[in-house]
């Protein structure tokens, strides 16, 4: 995670909806980042499994074309 965040000049995670069932947590959010001078506003769905209060699995689902278009200025 540190390597992913290192090139970012700023990042904000805005959670719109979140719910849990057992040890599964799902959130719908927007990741707002500044990357190489470009502003990226990315819709993301995150899925987490939590065991004994710790995240044991984390998956994020997003559209890579959304990032590419915003970074390239398209």
N, C-alpha and C. Protein backbone atom coordinates (compact mmCIF):
# COMPACT_ATOMS: atom_id res chain seq x y z
N UNK A 1 0.82 -1.19 0.00
CA UNK A 1 0.00 0.00 0.00
C UNK A 1 0.87 1.26 0.00
N UNK A 2 1.96 1.23 0.75
CA UNK A 2 2.86 2.38 0.82
C UNK A 2 3.43 2.70 -0.57
N UNK A 3 3.82 1.67 -1.32
CA UNK A 3 4.36 1.89 -2.66
C UNK A 3 3.31 2.50 -3.59
N UNK A 4 2.05 2.09 -3.45
CA UNK A 4 0.97 2.63 -4.28
C UNK A 4 0.73 4.11 -3.95
N UNK A 5 0.75 4.46 -2.67
CA UNK A 5 0.44 5.82 -2.25
C UNK A 5 1.61 6.80 -2.42
N UNK A 6 2.84 6.30 -2.51
CA UNK A 6 4.02 7.16 -2.54
C UNK A 6 3.98 8.24 -3.63
N UNK A 7 3.60 7.94 -4.88
CA UNK A 7 3.63 8.99 -5.91
C UNK A 7 2.45 9.97 -5.83
N UNK A 8 1.51 9.76 -4.94
CA UNK A 8 0.36 10.64 -4.85
C UNK A 8 0.69 11.91 -4.08
N UNK A 9 0.24 13.05 -4.62
CA UNK A 9 0.42 14.32 -3.91
C UNK A 9 -0.69 14.54 -2.88
N UNK A 10 -1.79 13.85 -3.03
CA UNK A 10 -2.91 13.96 -2.09
C UNK A 10 -3.90 12.85 -2.36
N UNK A 11 -4.60 12.43 -1.32
CA UNK A 11 -5.62 11.39 -1.48
C UNK A 11 -6.71 11.57 -0.43
N UNK A 12 -7.94 11.34 -0.85
CA UNK A 12 -9.09 11.40 0.04
C UNK A 12 -10.02 10.25 -0.33
N UNK A 13 -10.51 9.52 0.66
CA UNK A 13 -11.45 8.44 0.43
C UNK A 13 -12.80 8.89 0.96
N UNK A 14 -13.81 8.94 0.09
CA UNK A 14 -15.15 9.37 0.48
C UNK A 14 -16.06 8.14 0.40
N UNK A 15 -16.54 7.67 1.56
CA UNK A 15 -17.40 6.48 1.59
C UNK A 15 -18.85 6.92 1.45
N UNK A 16 -19.54 6.38 0.46
CA UNK A 16 -20.95 6.71 0.22
C UNK A 16 -21.89 5.73 0.92
N UNK A 17 -21.57 4.44 0.83
CA UNK A 17 -22.39 3.41 1.46
C UNK A 17 -21.47 2.32 1.99
N UNK A 18 -21.87 1.75 3.12
CA UNK A 18 -21.08 0.65 3.67
C UNK A 18 -22.02 -0.29 4.41
N UNK A 19 -21.79 -1.58 4.24
CA UNK A 19 -22.57 -2.54 5.01
C UNK A 19 -21.72 -3.75 5.30
N UNK A 20 -22.17 -4.53 6.29
CA UNK A 20 -21.43 -5.73 6.66
C UNK A 20 -22.38 -6.87 6.90
N UNK A 21 -21.85 -8.07 6.74
CA UNK A 21 -22.57 -9.30 7.02
C UNK A 21 -21.54 -10.30 7.50
N UNK A 22 -21.63 -10.68 8.76
CA UNK A 22 -20.62 -11.57 9.33
C UNK A 22 -19.27 -10.88 9.29
N UNK A 23 -18.27 -11.53 8.70
CA UNK A 23 -16.94 -10.94 8.64
C UNK A 23 -16.66 -10.22 7.31
N UNK A 24 -17.70 -10.00 6.51
CA UNK A 24 -17.57 -9.34 5.22
C UNK A 24 -18.04 -7.89 5.32
N UNK A 25 -17.22 -6.97 4.82
CA UNK A 25 -17.57 -5.55 4.78
C UNK A 25 -17.44 -5.09 3.34
N UNK A 26 -18.44 -4.36 2.86
CA UNK A 26 -18.43 -3.83 1.50
C UNK A 26 -18.68 -2.33 1.58
N UNK A 27 -17.85 -1.56 0.87
CA UNK A 27 -18.14 -0.13 0.80
C UNK A 27 -18.08 0.37 -0.62
N UNK A 28 -18.94 1.33 -0.89
CA UNK A 28 -18.96 2.04 -2.16
C UNK A 28 -18.37 3.41 -1.86
N UNK A 29 -17.32 3.76 -2.61
CA UNK A 29 -16.64 5.01 -2.29
C UNK A 29 -16.08 5.67 -3.54
N UNK A 30 -15.56 6.88 -3.35
CA UNK A 30 -14.83 7.59 -4.38
C UNK A 30 -13.44 7.85 -3.84
N UNK A 31 -12.45 7.49 -4.60
CA UNK A 31 -11.06 7.78 -4.25
C UNK A 31 -10.67 9.02 -5.03
N UNK A 32 -10.38 10.09 -4.32
CA UNK A 32 -9.98 11.35 -4.95
C UNK A 32 -8.49 11.53 -4.72
N UNK A 33 -7.73 11.57 -5.83
CA UNK A 33 -6.28 11.59 -5.75
C UNK A 33 -5.70 12.65 -6.67
N UNK A 34 -4.52 13.13 -6.32
CA UNK A 34 -3.73 13.96 -7.22
C UNK A 34 -2.49 13.14 -7.56
N UNK A 35 -2.34 12.85 -8.83
CA UNK A 35 -1.29 11.95 -9.29
C UNK A 35 -0.57 12.60 -10.46
N UNK A 36 0.70 12.95 -10.28
CA UNK A 36 1.46 13.60 -11.35
C UNK A 36 0.84 14.89 -11.81
N UNK A 37 0.20 15.62 -10.90
CA UNK A 37 -0.46 16.87 -11.24
C UNK A 37 -1.88 16.71 -11.75
N UNK A 38 -2.31 15.48 -12.04
CA UNK A 38 -3.67 15.23 -12.54
C UNK A 38 -4.59 14.88 -11.38
N UNK A 39 -5.81 15.41 -11.42
CA UNK A 39 -6.83 15.07 -10.44
C UNK A 39 -7.56 13.83 -10.92
N UNK A 40 -7.68 12.84 -10.05
CA UNK A 40 -8.39 11.60 -10.38
C UNK A 40 -9.52 11.43 -9.38
N UNK A 41 -10.73 11.25 -9.89
CA UNK A 41 -11.93 11.03 -9.08
C UNK A 41 -12.48 9.68 -9.52
N UNK A 42 -12.23 8.65 -8.71
CA UNK A 42 -12.46 7.28 -9.13
C UNK A 42 -13.53 6.59 -8.29
N UNK A 43 -14.63 6.15 -8.90
CA UNK A 43 -15.61 5.33 -8.17
C UNK A 43 -15.01 3.94 -7.91
N UNK A 44 -15.15 3.45 -6.68
CA UNK A 44 -14.55 2.17 -6.28
C UNK A 44 -15.54 1.39 -5.42
N UNK A 45 -15.52 0.07 -5.58
CA UNK A 45 -16.25 -0.82 -4.68
C UNK A 45 -15.18 -1.63 -3.94
N UNK A 46 -15.16 -1.54 -2.61
CA UNK A 46 -14.18 -2.26 -1.80
C UNK A 46 -14.84 -3.41 -1.06
N UNK A 47 -14.16 -4.55 -1.03
CA UNK A 47 -14.66 -5.73 -0.33
C UNK A 47 -13.56 -6.17 0.65
N UNK A 48 -13.94 -6.31 1.91
CA UNK A 48 -12.98 -6.65 2.96
C UNK A 48 -13.50 -7.84 3.77
N UNK A 49 -12.60 -8.70 4.16
CA UNK A 49 -12.92 -9.73 5.15
C UNK A 49 -12.15 -9.38 6.42
N UNK A 50 -12.84 -9.43 7.56
CA UNK A 50 -12.24 -9.04 8.83
C UNK A 50 -12.29 -10.24 9.77
N UNK A 51 -11.14 -10.57 10.36
CA UNK A 51 -11.05 -11.65 11.34
C UNK A 51 -10.32 -11.11 12.57
N UNK A 52 -10.94 -11.26 13.72
CA UNK A 52 -10.36 -10.77 14.97
C UNK A 52 -9.96 -9.30 14.89
N UNK A 53 -10.81 -8.50 14.24
CA UNK A 53 -10.58 -7.06 14.15
C UNK A 53 -9.53 -6.63 13.15
N UNK A 54 -9.01 -7.57 12.35
CA UNK A 54 -7.99 -7.23 11.36
C UNK A 54 -8.47 -7.60 9.96
N UNK A 55 -8.12 -6.77 8.98
CA UNK A 55 -8.45 -7.06 7.59
C UNK A 55 -7.55 -8.20 7.12
N UNK A 56 -8.18 -9.29 6.68
CA UNK A 56 -7.42 -10.45 6.19
C UNK A 56 -7.47 -10.57 4.67
N UNK A 57 -8.39 -9.85 4.04
CA UNK A 57 -8.51 -9.84 2.58
C UNK A 57 -9.10 -8.50 2.19
N UNK A 58 -8.53 -7.88 1.14
CA UNK A 58 -9.00 -6.57 0.67
C UNK A 58 -8.96 -6.60 -0.84
N UNK A 59 -10.11 -6.35 -1.45
CA UNK A 59 -10.19 -6.25 -2.91
C UNK A 59 -10.90 -4.95 -3.26
N UNK A 60 -10.36 -4.25 -4.23
CA UNK A 60 -11.00 -3.04 -4.77
C UNK A 60 -11.34 -3.29 -6.22
N UNK A 61 -12.52 -2.86 -6.61
CA UNK A 61 -12.98 -3.00 -7.99
C UNK A 61 -13.24 -1.60 -8.55
N UNK A 62 -12.62 -1.31 -9.71
CA UNK A 62 -12.81 -0.02 -10.35
C UNK A 62 -12.59 -0.18 -11.85
N UNK A 63 -12.86 0.87 -12.59
CA UNK A 63 -12.68 0.87 -14.03
C UNK A 63 -11.37 1.57 -14.36
N UNK A 64 -10.36 0.81 -14.78
CA UNK A 64 -9.05 1.36 -15.08
C UNK A 64 -9.12 2.46 -16.15
N UNK A 65 -10.07 2.35 -17.08
CA UNK A 65 -10.21 3.37 -18.12
C UNK A 65 -10.54 4.73 -17.53
N UNK A 66 -11.24 4.75 -16.38
CA UNK A 66 -11.56 6.01 -15.71
C UNK A 66 -10.29 6.70 -15.23
N UNK A 67 -9.38 5.93 -14.66
CA UNK A 67 -8.10 6.50 -14.21
C UNK A 67 -7.29 6.97 -15.41
N UNK A 68 -7.15 6.12 -16.41
CA UNK A 68 -6.34 6.44 -17.59
C UNK A 68 -6.82 7.72 -18.27
N UNK A 69 -8.11 7.87 -18.45
CA UNK A 69 -8.67 9.05 -19.11
C UNK A 69 -8.38 10.32 -18.31
N UNK A 70 -8.48 10.23 -16.99
CA UNK A 70 -8.26 11.43 -16.17
C UNK A 70 -6.78 11.79 -16.08
N UNK A 71 -5.90 10.81 -16.03
CA UNK A 71 -4.46 11.09 -15.95
C UNK A 71 -3.94 11.62 -17.29
N UNK A 72 -4.47 11.07 -18.39
CA UNK A 72 -4.00 11.48 -19.71
C UNK A 72 -4.66 12.77 -20.18
N UNK A 73 -5.71 13.22 -19.49
CA UNK A 73 -6.38 14.46 -19.86
C UNK A 73 -7.45 14.27 -20.93
N UNK A 74 -7.82 13.03 -21.21
CA UNK A 74 -8.83 12.74 -22.25
C UNK A 74 -10.22 13.09 -21.76
